[in-house]
Amino acid sequence: MKYLRFLVLFFVPMCLPSALPAQGRNEWSLEQCIRYAWDNNIAIRQQKLTGEQTKNGLLQSKMALLPTVGANASYNMSWGRSVDLQELQVIENKLSSSFGPGLSASVDLFDGLQKVHTVKRNEADYAASQQEIEQLRNQLSLDIARAYLQALLSQEVLATAEKSRESVEQQRDRTAKFVAAGSQPHSDLLEVTAQLAAEEVQCVTARNSVDMAYLSLRQLLDIAPDVAFAIAVPEIKVEVVRYAESVKSLYELAKGLPQIRAAEYKLASAGYNVAIANGRYWPTLALSASYGSYFTDTRDDGFWDQLRYNRSPSVGFSLRIPLFQNWNIVTGAKNARLSRRIAELELESRQNALYKEIQQATADATAAYNKYKAGEHNVSAMQESFRYTEQKLDAGAVTGTDYTVAKNNLFKAQSEMLQSKYQYIFQVKIIDFYKGIPIQL
């Protein structure tokens, strides 16, 4: 995962910390979009339920350290010949019954520390599950932020296209006056009119891009079609940023990201699994205790008297030594060590991926900045060139074709500059996130 928790902070300073937009309010900030998605995304909700299962497993492993206590009772009836123990004579065809209650408890005194390591493993698994929730949130935030920025970019391109169309429309009106006055040929008016039609196409294309960007954002949020929805437009300022930190220092600051922490917890869990598997080689010592009594109607003593006289408490120890278990213990220990090695490689793979991502992010930030600054210069030059061409067209010194070329070049330069602007902003926020700096615009 490349861009993580920074996405939530990206627009936080420029939007109110509110929940969802109230009914009748149609502008959503990026924070509101992300919060809504966090609360309603099915994958995140599923991962939360998985985390609850892991938490239940952790609680159960802790409870397994406690003794087991049980109560029992039995009631028996018998027919046929029986012996009267007091009179020492055989009694035929007598119905006799007996009742015996009891309590028992047992606890493992030593099991190779398997239960202790099971608790530690489940703690690591639960911690990993929480990091995976954060990882899903970050991934969803990334997708929403991209769609949000694309919508902002599309709206700016549309505004630029509409402004360009208005400029051409004004030029068409001026050219029409010059043609009517006889100072310019009719062909210039035709060419400017054709350019105006092209500007209309550009506006339609830009509107379609806005609609598609909104559709993508709606689909990510799973918003119903009948819900009024529009994004809030923040004021974004682009400033020069100098990077003094090296990739290595940024990497050290970014080691606490969820994908790294989750892999670390899974490695710890795999280590405890090895300890559990090794613990099965050890003997198991258990302590047990019981208390019981019984009552039978073949004796003349009362119910409570018999229960008191016939009580039978006991305490015992049991030792189980694994001599040969069909190689299950050996195989389990080998597989546990292999799983730990797999977890080590997974952690190493994620660390390497993060380092490469930071390398790429710094390179992309530099490239985006250079492209943005070049785009600024290009737009400035194209604006001046177009202004000069427009003046020459009014004077009849150039044709409508020259005007069309200059206008198209200006719009292309403006569109490219806007794209590089948002790309640069995106990359700057990534670098700020890796450095641990609260991201503000």
Protein backbone atom coordinates (compact mmCIF):
# COMPACT_ATOMS: atom_id res chain seq x y z
CA MET A 1 0.00 0.00 0.00
CA LYS A 2 1.51 3.23 -1.11
CA TYR A 3 -0.44 6.13 0.32
CA LEU A 4 -1.92 5.67 3.70
CA ARG A 5 -3.27 7.63 6.62
CA PHE A 6 -2.23 10.97 5.13
CA LEU A 7 -5.32 10.95 2.95
CA VAL A 8 -7.60 11.72 5.86
CA LEU A 9 -5.35 14.57 7.01
CA PHE A 10 -5.02 15.93 3.50
CA PHE A 11 -8.12 18.08 3.63
CA VAL A 12 -8.93 18.06 7.37
CA PRO A 13 -7.69 21.62 8.02
CA MET A 14 -9.94 22.99 5.30
CA CYS A 15 -13.16 21.30 6.29
CA LEU A 16 -15.28 21.22 9.41
CA PRO A 17 -15.00 18.12 11.61
CA SER A 18 -18.62 17.23 11.03
CA ALA A 19 -20.19 13.90 10.31
CA LEU A 20 -22.23 13.42 7.18
CA PRO A 21 -23.72 16.39 5.38
CA ALA A 22 -27.12 17.19 6.81
CA GLN A 23 -30.23 16.59 4.78
CA GLY A 24 -30.62 19.28 2.18
CA ARG A 25 -26.92 20.10 2.21
CA ASN A 26 -25.22 19.01 -1.00
CA GLU A 27 -21.50 19.71 -0.48
CA TRP A 28 -19.30 16.98 0.97
CA SER A 29 -15.76 17.56 2.11
CA LEU A 30 -13.13 14.89 1.59
CA GLU A 31 -13.18 14.10 5.30
CA GLN A 32 -16.93 13.55 5.20
CA CYS A 33 -16.58 11.28 2.18
CA ILE A 34 -13.93 9.19 3.89
CA ARG A 35 -15.83 8.95 7.17
CA TYR A 36 -18.96 7.90 5.35
CA ALA A 37 -17.05 5.21 3.47
CA TRP A 38 -15.38 3.97 6.65
CA ASP A 39 -18.76 3.51 8.30
CA ASN A 40 -20.49 1.87 5.35
CA ASN A 41 -17.87 -0.02 3.35
CA ILE A 42 -18.63 -3.75 3.38
CA ALA A 43 -14.99 -4.89 3.30
CA ILE A 44 -14.17 -2.80 6.38
CA ARG A 45 -17.24 -4.07 8.20
CA GLN A 46 -16.26 -7.64 7.38
CA GLN A 47 -12.73 -7.06 8.68
CA LYS A 48 -14.14 -5.58 11.88
CA LEU A 49 -16.19 -8.74 12.42
CA THR A 50 -13.09 -10.83 11.79
CA GLY A 51 -11.32 -8.71 14.38
CA GLU A 52 -14.10 -9.41 16.87
CA GLN A 53 -13.67 -13.14 16.26
CA THR A 54 -9.94 -12.77 16.92
CA LYS A 55 -10.71 -10.86 20.10
CA ASN A 56 -13.02 -13.64 21.25
CA GLY A 57 -10.26 -16.15 20.59
CA LEU A 58 -7.89 -14.07 22.71
CA LEU A 59 -10.35 -14.00 25.61
CA GLN A 60 -10.90 -17.74 25.33
CA SER A 61 -7.16 -18.45 25.44
CA LYS A 62 -6.88 -16.39 28.62
CA MET A 63 -9.79 -18.27 30.19
CA ALA A 64 -8.05 -21.54 29.33
CA LEU A 65 -5.44 -20.71 32.00
CA LEU A 66 -8.09 -21.05 34.70
CA PRO A 67 -9.18 -24.38 36.25
CA THR A 68 -12.14 -26.21 34.81
CA VAL A 69 -14.92 -26.83 37.32
CA GLY A 70 -17.94 -29.05 36.83
CA ALA A 71 -20.87 -30.44 38.76
CA ASN A 72 -22.44 -33.82 38.17
CA ALA A 73 -25.34 -35.87 39.46
CA SER A 74 -26.62 -39.32 38.73
CA TYR A 75 -29.84 -41.11 39.58
CA ASN A 76 -30.19 -44.86 39.08
CA MET A 77 -33.13 -47.30 39.42
CA SER A 78 -32.82 -51.07 39.43
CA TRP A 79 -35.19 -54.04 39.57
CA GLY A 80 -34.83 -57.73 40.37
CA ARG A 81 -33.07 -59.58 43.11
CA SER A 82 -30.91 -57.52 45.41
CA VAL A 83 -29.02 -57.99 48.67
CA ASP A 84 -29.94 -56.25 51.92
CA LEU A 85 -26.51 -55.25 53.22
CA GLN A 86 -27.76 -54.71 56.78
CA GLU A 87 -29.57 -58.03 57.15
CA LEU A 88 -27.28 -59.93 54.78
CA GLN A 89 -30.17 -61.57 53.00
CA VAL A 90 -31.31 -61.74 49.45
CA ILE A 91 -34.39 -59.74 48.61
CA GLU A 92 -36.22 -60.67 45.46
CA ASN A 93 -37.93 -58.36 43.01
CA LYS A 94 -37.30 -55.15 44.92
CA LEU A 95 -37.15 -51.73 43.27
CA SER A 96 -34.13 -49.79 44.50
CA SER A 97 -32.80 -46.35 43.58
CA SER A 98 -29.71 -44.29 44.27
CA PHE A 99 -28.63 -40.69 43.81
CA GLY A 100 -25.08 -39.40 43.67
CA PRO A 101 -24.07 -35.68 43.35
CA GLY A 102 -20.49 -34.49 42.91
CA LEU A 103 -18.10 -31.66 42.03
CA SER A 104 -14.83 -31.87 40.11
CA ALA A 105 -12.07 -29.50 39.09
CA SER A 106 -8.84 -29.80 37.16
CA VAL A 107 -6.02 -27.53 36.09
CA ASP A 108 -2.88 -28.01 34.03
CA LEU A 109 0.15 -27.24 36.16
CA PHE A 110 2.60 -27.53 33.29
CA ASP A 111 2.04 -28.10 29.59
CA GLY A 112 5.25 -26.84 28.06
CA LEU A 113 3.88 -23.27 28.32
CA GLN A 114 1.56 -23.97 25.40
CA LYS A 115 -1.35 -22.04 26.90
CA VAL A 116 0.82 -19.05 27.80
CA HIS A 117 2.22 -18.87 24.29
CA THR A 118 -1.28 -19.31 22.87
CA VAL A 119 -2.38 -16.17 24.72
CA LYS A 120 0.60 -14.23 23.36
CA ARG A 121 -0.04 -15.52 19.83
CA ASN A 122 -3.70 -14.49 19.98
CA GLU A 123 -2.71 -11.05 21.28
CA ALA A 124 -0.46 -10.65 18.24
CA ASP A 125 -3.22 -11.90 15.92
CA TYR A 126 -5.69 -9.40 17.37
CA ALA A 127 -3.21 -6.55 17.00
CA ALA A 128 -2.58 -7.61 13.39
CA SER A 129 -6.32 -7.64 12.68
CA GLN A 130 -6.62 -4.05 13.91
CA GLN A 131 -3.76 -2.99 11.66
CA GLU A 132 -5.46 -4.70 8.73
CA ILE A 133 -8.58 -2.64 9.41
CA GLU A 134 -6.43 0.50 9.25
CA GLN A 135 -4.84 -0.76 6.06
CA LEU A 136 -8.27 -1.23 4.45
CA ARG A 137 -9.29 2.23 5.59
CA ASN A 138 -6.17 3.72 4.09
CA GLN A 139 -6.69 1.92 0.80
CA LEU A 140 -10.28 3.12 0.64
CA SER A 141 -9.16 6.63 1.58
CA LEU A 142 -6.63 6.53 -1.26
CA ASP A 143 -9.28 5.58 -3.79
CA ILE A 144 -11.66 8.25 -2.54
CA ALA A 145 -8.96 10.93 -2.47
CA ARG A 146 -7.97 10.13 -6.04
CA ALA A 147 -11.57 10.37 -7.18
CA TYR A 148 -12.05 13.56 -5.15
CA LEU A 149 -8.98 15.20 -6.66
CA GLN A 150 -10.01 14.05 -10.11
CA ALA A 151 -13.38 15.71 -9.60
CA LEU A 152 -11.67 18.93 -8.50
CA LEU A 153 -9.37 18.79 -11.53
CA SER A 154 -12.29 18.12 -13.87
CA GLN A 155 -14.19 21.09 -12.46
CA GLU A 156 -11.19 23.37 -12.99
CA VAL A 157 -10.76 22.14 -16.55
CA LEU A 158 -14.46 22.76 -17.16
CA ALA A 159 -14.17 26.30 -15.78
CA THR A 160 -11.14 26.90 -18.02
CA ALA A 161 -13.00 25.52 -21.05
CA GLU A 162 -16.02 27.72 -20.38
CA LYS A 163 -13.83 30.77 -19.95
CA SER A 164 -12.05 29.93 -23.19
CA ARG A 165 -15.36 29.55 -24.98
CA GLU A 166 -16.51 32.95 -23.71
CA SER A 167 -13.29 34.49 -25.02
CA VAL A 168 -13.81 32.94 -28.45
CA GLU A 169 -17.43 34.03 -28.43
CA GLN A 170 -16.37 37.61 -27.78
CA GLN A 171 -13.80 37.34 -30.55
CA ARG A 172 -16.48 36.03 -32.91
CA ASP A 173 -18.62 39.06 -32.19
CA ARG A 174 -15.72 41.45 -32.79
CA THR A 175 -14.73 39.67 -36.00
CA ALA A 176 -18.31 39.85 -37.22
CA LYS A 177 -18.22 43.64 -36.77
CA PHE A 178 -14.90 43.91 -38.62
CA VAL A 179 -16.25 41.75 -41.47
CA ALA A 180 -19.37 43.89 -41.67
CA ALA A 181 -17.17 46.97 -41.80
CA GLY A 182 -15.12 45.40 -44.58
CA SER A 183 -11.83 45.48 -42.67
CA GLN A 184 -11.52 41.66 -42.49
CA PRO A 185 -12.42 38.89 -44.94
CA HIS A 186 -15.47 36.72 -44.32
CA SER A 187 -13.21 33.66 -44.07
CA ASP A 188 -11.86 34.94 -40.74
CA LEU A 189 -15.37 34.98 -39.34
CA LEU A 190 -15.96 31.45 -40.56
CA GLU A 191 -12.75 30.22 -38.95
CA VAL A 192 -13.51 31.92 -35.62
CA THR A 193 -17.05 30.52 -35.75
CA ALA A 194 -15.60 27.05 -36.33
CA GLN A 195 -13.28 27.60 -33.36
CA LEU A 196 -16.29 28.52 -31.24
CA ALA A 197 -17.94 25.23 -32.20
CA ALA A 198 -14.74 23.41 -31.19
CA GLU A 199 -14.82 25.28 -27.87
CA GLU A 200 -18.37 24.02 -27.32
CA VAL A 201 -17.14 20.47 -27.89
CA GLN A 202 -14.38 21.05 -25.35
CA CYS A 203 -16.95 22.25 -22.81
CA VAL A 204 -19.13 19.20 -23.40
CA THR A 205 -16.11 16.93 -23.01
CA ALA A 206 -15.14 18.71 -19.80
CA ARG A 207 -18.68 18.37 -18.42
CA ASN A 208 -18.62 14.66 -19.22
CA SER A 209 -15.33 14.35 -17.32
CA VAL A 210 -16.90 16.02 -14.30
CA ASP A 211 -19.90 13.68 -14.48
CA MET A 212 -17.63 10.62 -14.72
CA ALA A 213 -15.51 11.82 -11.78
CA TYR A 214 -18.64 12.29 -9.68
CA LEU A 215 -19.91 8.88 -10.73
CA SER A 216 -16.66 7.23 -9.65
CA LEU A 217 -16.84 8.99 -6.29
CA ARG A 218 -20.49 8.05 -5.82
CA GLN A 219 -19.71 4.41 -6.57
CA LEU A 220 -16.86 4.36 -4.07
CA LEU A 221 -19.17 5.79 -1.42
CA ASP A 222 -22.17 3.66 -2.47
CA ILE A 223 -24.37 6.75 -2.43
CA ALA A 224 -27.92 6.29 -3.69
CA PRO A 225 -28.67 8.04 -6.99
CA ASP A 226 -31.42 10.17 -5.42
CA VAL A 227 -29.08 11.69 -2.80
CA ALA A 228 -27.93 15.23 -3.65
CA PHE A 229 -24.16 15.18 -3.85
CA ALA A 230 -21.45 17.71 -4.66
CA ILE A 231 -17.92 18.13 -3.39
CA ALA A 232 -16.66 21.13 -1.48
CA VAL A 233 -14.03 23.15 -3.35
CA PRO A 234 -11.12 24.06 -1.05
CA GLU A 235 -8.60 26.79 -1.66
CA ILE A 236 -5.40 25.05 -2.69
CA LYS A 237 -2.10 26.87 -2.72
CA VAL A 238 0.99 25.46 -4.35
CA GLU A 239 4.24 26.37 -2.63
CA VAL A 240 7.86 25.55 -3.29
CA VAL A 241 9.04 22.65 -1.12
CA ARG A 242 12.63 21.66 -0.55
CA TYR A 243 13.35 18.11 0.55
CA ALA A 244 16.22 17.88 3.01
CA GLU A 245 15.45 14.36 4.20
CA SER A 246 16.99 11.37 2.52
CA VAL A 247 15.02 8.34 1.41
CA LYS A 248 16.55 6.36 4.28
CA SER A 249 15.41 8.87 6.91
CA LEU A 250 11.92 8.98 5.43
CA TYR A 251 11.84 5.20 5.47
CA GLU A 252 12.72 5.11 9.16
CA LEU A 253 9.88 7.53 9.88
CA ALA A 254 7.41 5.47 7.84
CA LYS A 255 8.01 2.11 9.52
CA GLY A 256 4.93 2.55 11.70
CA LEU A 257 2.51 2.30 8.78
CA PRO A 258 -0.27 -0.34 9.13
CA GLN A 259 1.04 -2.72 6.48
CA ILE A 260 4.43 -2.92 8.24
CA ARG A 261 2.94 -3.21 11.73
CA ALA A 262 0.54 -5.95 10.60
CA ALA A 263 3.43 -7.97 9.14
CA GLU A 264 5.42 -7.52 12.36
CA TYR A 265 2.52 -8.79 14.46
CA LYS A 266 2.04 -11.76 12.14
CA LEU A 267 5.74 -12.58 12.48
CA ALA A 268 5.39 -12.45 16.27
CA SER A 269 2.35 -14.73 16.02
CA ALA A 270 4.32 -17.20 13.92
CA GLY A 271 7.10 -17.17 16.54
CA TYR A 272 4.63 -18.04 19.29
CA ASN A 273 3.28 -20.85 17.10
CA VAL A 274 6.79 -22.30 17.04
CA ALA A 275 6.92 -22.11 20.83
CA ILE A 276 3.52 -23.83 21.06
CA ALA A 277 4.66 -26.59 18.72
CA ASN A 278 7.87 -27.11 20.73
CA GLY A 279 5.84 -27.19 23.93
CA ARG A 280 4.12 -30.37 22.74
CA TYR A 281 7.39 -32.25 23.25
CA TRP A 282 7.13 -31.67 27.00
CA PRO A 283 5.17 -33.81 29.50
CA THR A 284 1.91 -32.40 30.83
CA LEU A 285 1.26 -32.33 34.57
CA ALA A 286 -2.31 -31.80 35.75
CA LEU A 287 -3.97 -31.45 39.15
CA SER A 288 -7.51 -32.70 39.67
CA ALA A 289 -9.85 -32.72 42.66
CA SER A 290 -13.34 -34.06 43.19
CA TYR A 291 -15.97 -34.27 45.88
CA GLY A 292 -18.90 -36.68 45.76
CA SER A 293 -21.43 -38.60 47.76
CA TYR A 294 -24.45 -40.83 47.23
CA PHE A 295 -27.82 -41.85 48.63
CA THR A 296 -29.60 -45.17 48.24
CA ASP A 297 -33.04 -46.22 49.42
CA THR A 298 -31.76 -49.66 50.38
CA ARG A 299 -30.55 -48.14 53.65
CA ASP A 300 -32.64 -46.76 56.48
CA ASP A 301 -30.55 -43.60 56.97
CA GLY A 302 -32.04 -40.33 55.83
CA PHE A 303 -31.11 -38.53 52.64
CA TRP A 304 -28.93 -35.81 54.16
CA ASP A 305 -27.33 -38.21 56.65
CA GLN A 306 -26.26 -40.53 53.83
CA LEU A 307 -24.88 -37.67 51.80
CA ARG A 308 -22.83 -36.59 54.81
CA TYR A 309 -21.58 -40.09 55.73
CA ASN A 310 -20.94 -41.23 52.13
CA ARG A 311 -18.91 -38.24 51.03
CA SER A 312 -15.71 -39.05 49.15
CA PRO A 313 -13.27 -36.18 48.44
CA SER A 314 -10.20 -36.87 46.32
CA VAL A 315 -7.12 -35.11 44.99
CA GLY A 316 -4.86 -36.46 42.30
CA PHE A 317 -2.09 -35.68 39.88
CA SER A 318 -1.75 -36.96 36.32
CA LEU A 319 1.32 -36.95 34.14
CA ARG A 320 1.16 -37.44 30.37
CA ILE A 321 4.43 -38.05 28.57
CA PRO A 322 4.40 -37.95 24.73
CA LEU A 323 6.50 -40.92 23.70
CA PHE A 324 5.29 -41.45 20.14
CA GLN A 325 2.46 -39.54 18.46
CA ASN A 326 2.73 -40.84 14.90
CA TRP A 327 5.25 -38.09 14.12
CA ASN A 328 2.53 -35.42 14.52
CA ILE A 329 4.53 -33.37 16.99
CA VAL A 330 7.66 -33.38 14.83
CA THR A 331 5.73 -32.48 11.69
CA GLY A 332 3.85 -29.73 13.50
CA ALA A 333 7.11 -28.20 14.78
CA LYS A 334 8.65 -28.24 11.29
CA ASN A 335 5.62 -26.61 9.73
CA ALA A 336 5.56 -23.96 12.46
CA ARG A 337 9.18 -23.05 11.73
CA LEU A 338 8.42 -22.87 8.00
CA SER A 339 5.45 -20.59 8.69
CA ARG A 340 7.69 -18.32 10.75
CA ARG A 341 10.17 -18.13 7.88
CA ILE A 342 7.34 -17.25 5.49
CA ALA A 343 6.26 -14.47 7.86
CA GLU A 344 9.84 -13.17 7.99
CA LEU A 345 9.98 -13.00 4.20
CA GLU A 346 6.59 -11.28 4.08
CA LEU A 347 7.81 -8.60 6.48
CA GLU A 348 11.01 -8.17 4.47
CA SER A 349 8.99 -7.94 1.26
CA ARG A 350 6.74 -5.21 2.69
CA GLN A 351 9.71 -3.28 4.03
CA ASN A 352 11.42 -3.43 0.64
CA ALA A 353 8.20 -2.36 -1.07
CA LEU A 354 7.84 0.59 1.32
CA TYR A 355 11.43 1.69 0.69
CA LYS A 356 10.86 1.57 -3.07
CA GLU A 357 7.58 3.44 -2.69
CA ILE A 358 9.37 6.23 -0.81
CA GLN A 359 12.06 6.34 -3.49
CA GLN A 360 9.38 6.60 -6.15
CA ALA A 361 7.40 9.19 -4.16
CA THR A 362 10.39 11.52 -3.81
CA ALA A 363 11.26 11.12 -7.48
CA ASP A 364 7.63 11.70 -8.51
CA ALA A 365 7.41 14.78 -6.27
CA THR A 366 10.48 16.30 -7.88
CA ALA A 367 9.28 15.46 -11.38
CA ALA A 368 5.78 16.79 -10.66
CA TYR A 369 7.17 20.04 -9.31
CA ASN A 370 9.43 20.53 -12.33
CA LYS A 371 6.54 19.78 -14.64
CA TYR A 372 4.26 22.17 -12.79
CA LYS A 373 6.78 25.03 -12.90
CA ALA A 374 7.41 24.37 -16.59
CA GLY A 375 3.65 24.33 -17.13
CA GLU A 376 3.33 27.71 -15.42
CA HIS A 377 5.94 29.21 -17.74
CA ASN A 378 4.30 27.57 -20.73
CA VAL A 379 0.86 28.96 -19.85
CA SER A 380 2.32 32.42 -19.33
CA ALA A 381 4.02 32.27 -22.71
CA MET A 382 0.92 30.90 -24.44
CA GLN A 383 -1.27 33.58 -22.90
CA GLU A 384 1.04 36.30 -24.18
CA SER A 385 1.24 34.65 -27.59
CA PHE A 386 -2.53 34.31 -27.79
CA ARG A 387 -3.07 37.92 -26.68
CA TYR A 388 -0.69 39.08 -29.42
CA THR A 389 -2.38 36.86 -32.02
CA GLU A 390 -5.80 38.14 -30.95
CA GLN A 391 -4.65 41.73 -31.40
CA LYS A 392 -3.19 40.94 -34.82
CA LEU A 393 -6.45 39.22 -35.81
CA ASP A 394 -8.39 42.35 -34.91
CA ALA A 395 -5.94 44.33 -37.01
CA GLY A 396 -6.28 41.91 -39.90
CA ALA A 397 -2.58 40.94 -39.75
CA VAL A 398 -3.24 37.20 -39.25
CA THR A 399 -5.88 34.78 -40.41
CA GLY A 400 -8.48 32.95 -38.35
CA THR A 401 -6.38 29.81 -38.68
CA ASP A 402 -3.54 31.43 -36.76
CA TYR A 403 -6.02 32.47 -34.09
CA THR A 404 -7.39 28.92 -33.83
CA VAL A 405 -3.92 27.42 -33.45
CA ALA A 406 -2.98 29.92 -30.76
CA LYS A 407 -6.22 29.31 -28.87
CA ASN A 408 -5.84 25.53 -28.97
CA ASN A 409 -2.25 25.75 -27.78
CA LEU A 410 -3.31 27.95 -24.86
CA PHE A 411 -6.08 25.58 -23.75
CA LYS A 412 -3.75 22.59 -24.02
CA ALA A 413 -1.11 24.35 -21.92
CA GLN A 414 -3.69 25.32 -19.30
CA SER A 415 -5.04 21.75 -19.06
CA GLU A 416 -1.57 20.26 -18.72
CA MET A 417 -0.64 22.81 -16.06
CA LEU A 418 -3.76 21.98 -14.03
CA GLN A 419 -3.01 18.26 -14.21
CA SER A 420 0.59 18.75 -13.09
CA LYS A 421 -0.63 21.05 -10.30
CA TYR A 422 -2.82 18.37 -8.74
CA GLN A 423 -0.19 15.71 -9.28
CA TYR A 424 2.36 17.90 -7.50
CA ILE A 425 0.00 18.57 -4.59
CA PHE A 426 -0.66 14.85 -4.26
CA GLN A 427 3.06 14.01 -4.19
CA VAL A 428 3.87 16.77 -1.70
CA LYS A 429 1.30 15.42 0.74
CA ILE A 430 2.78 11.95 0.41
CA ILE A 431 6.23 13.23 1.36
CA ASP A 432 4.77 15.17 4.29
CA PHE A 433 3.02 12.04 5.49
CA TYR A 434 6.19 9.96 5.39
CA LYS A 435 7.93 12.67 7.41
CA GLY A 436 5.21 12.56 10.06
CA ILE A 437 4.25 16.21 9.56
CA PRO A 438 0.56 17.13 9.95
CA ILE A 439 -0.56 17.83 6.43
CA GLN A 440 -2.10 21.24 5.82
CA LEU A 441 -2.85 23.32 2.77
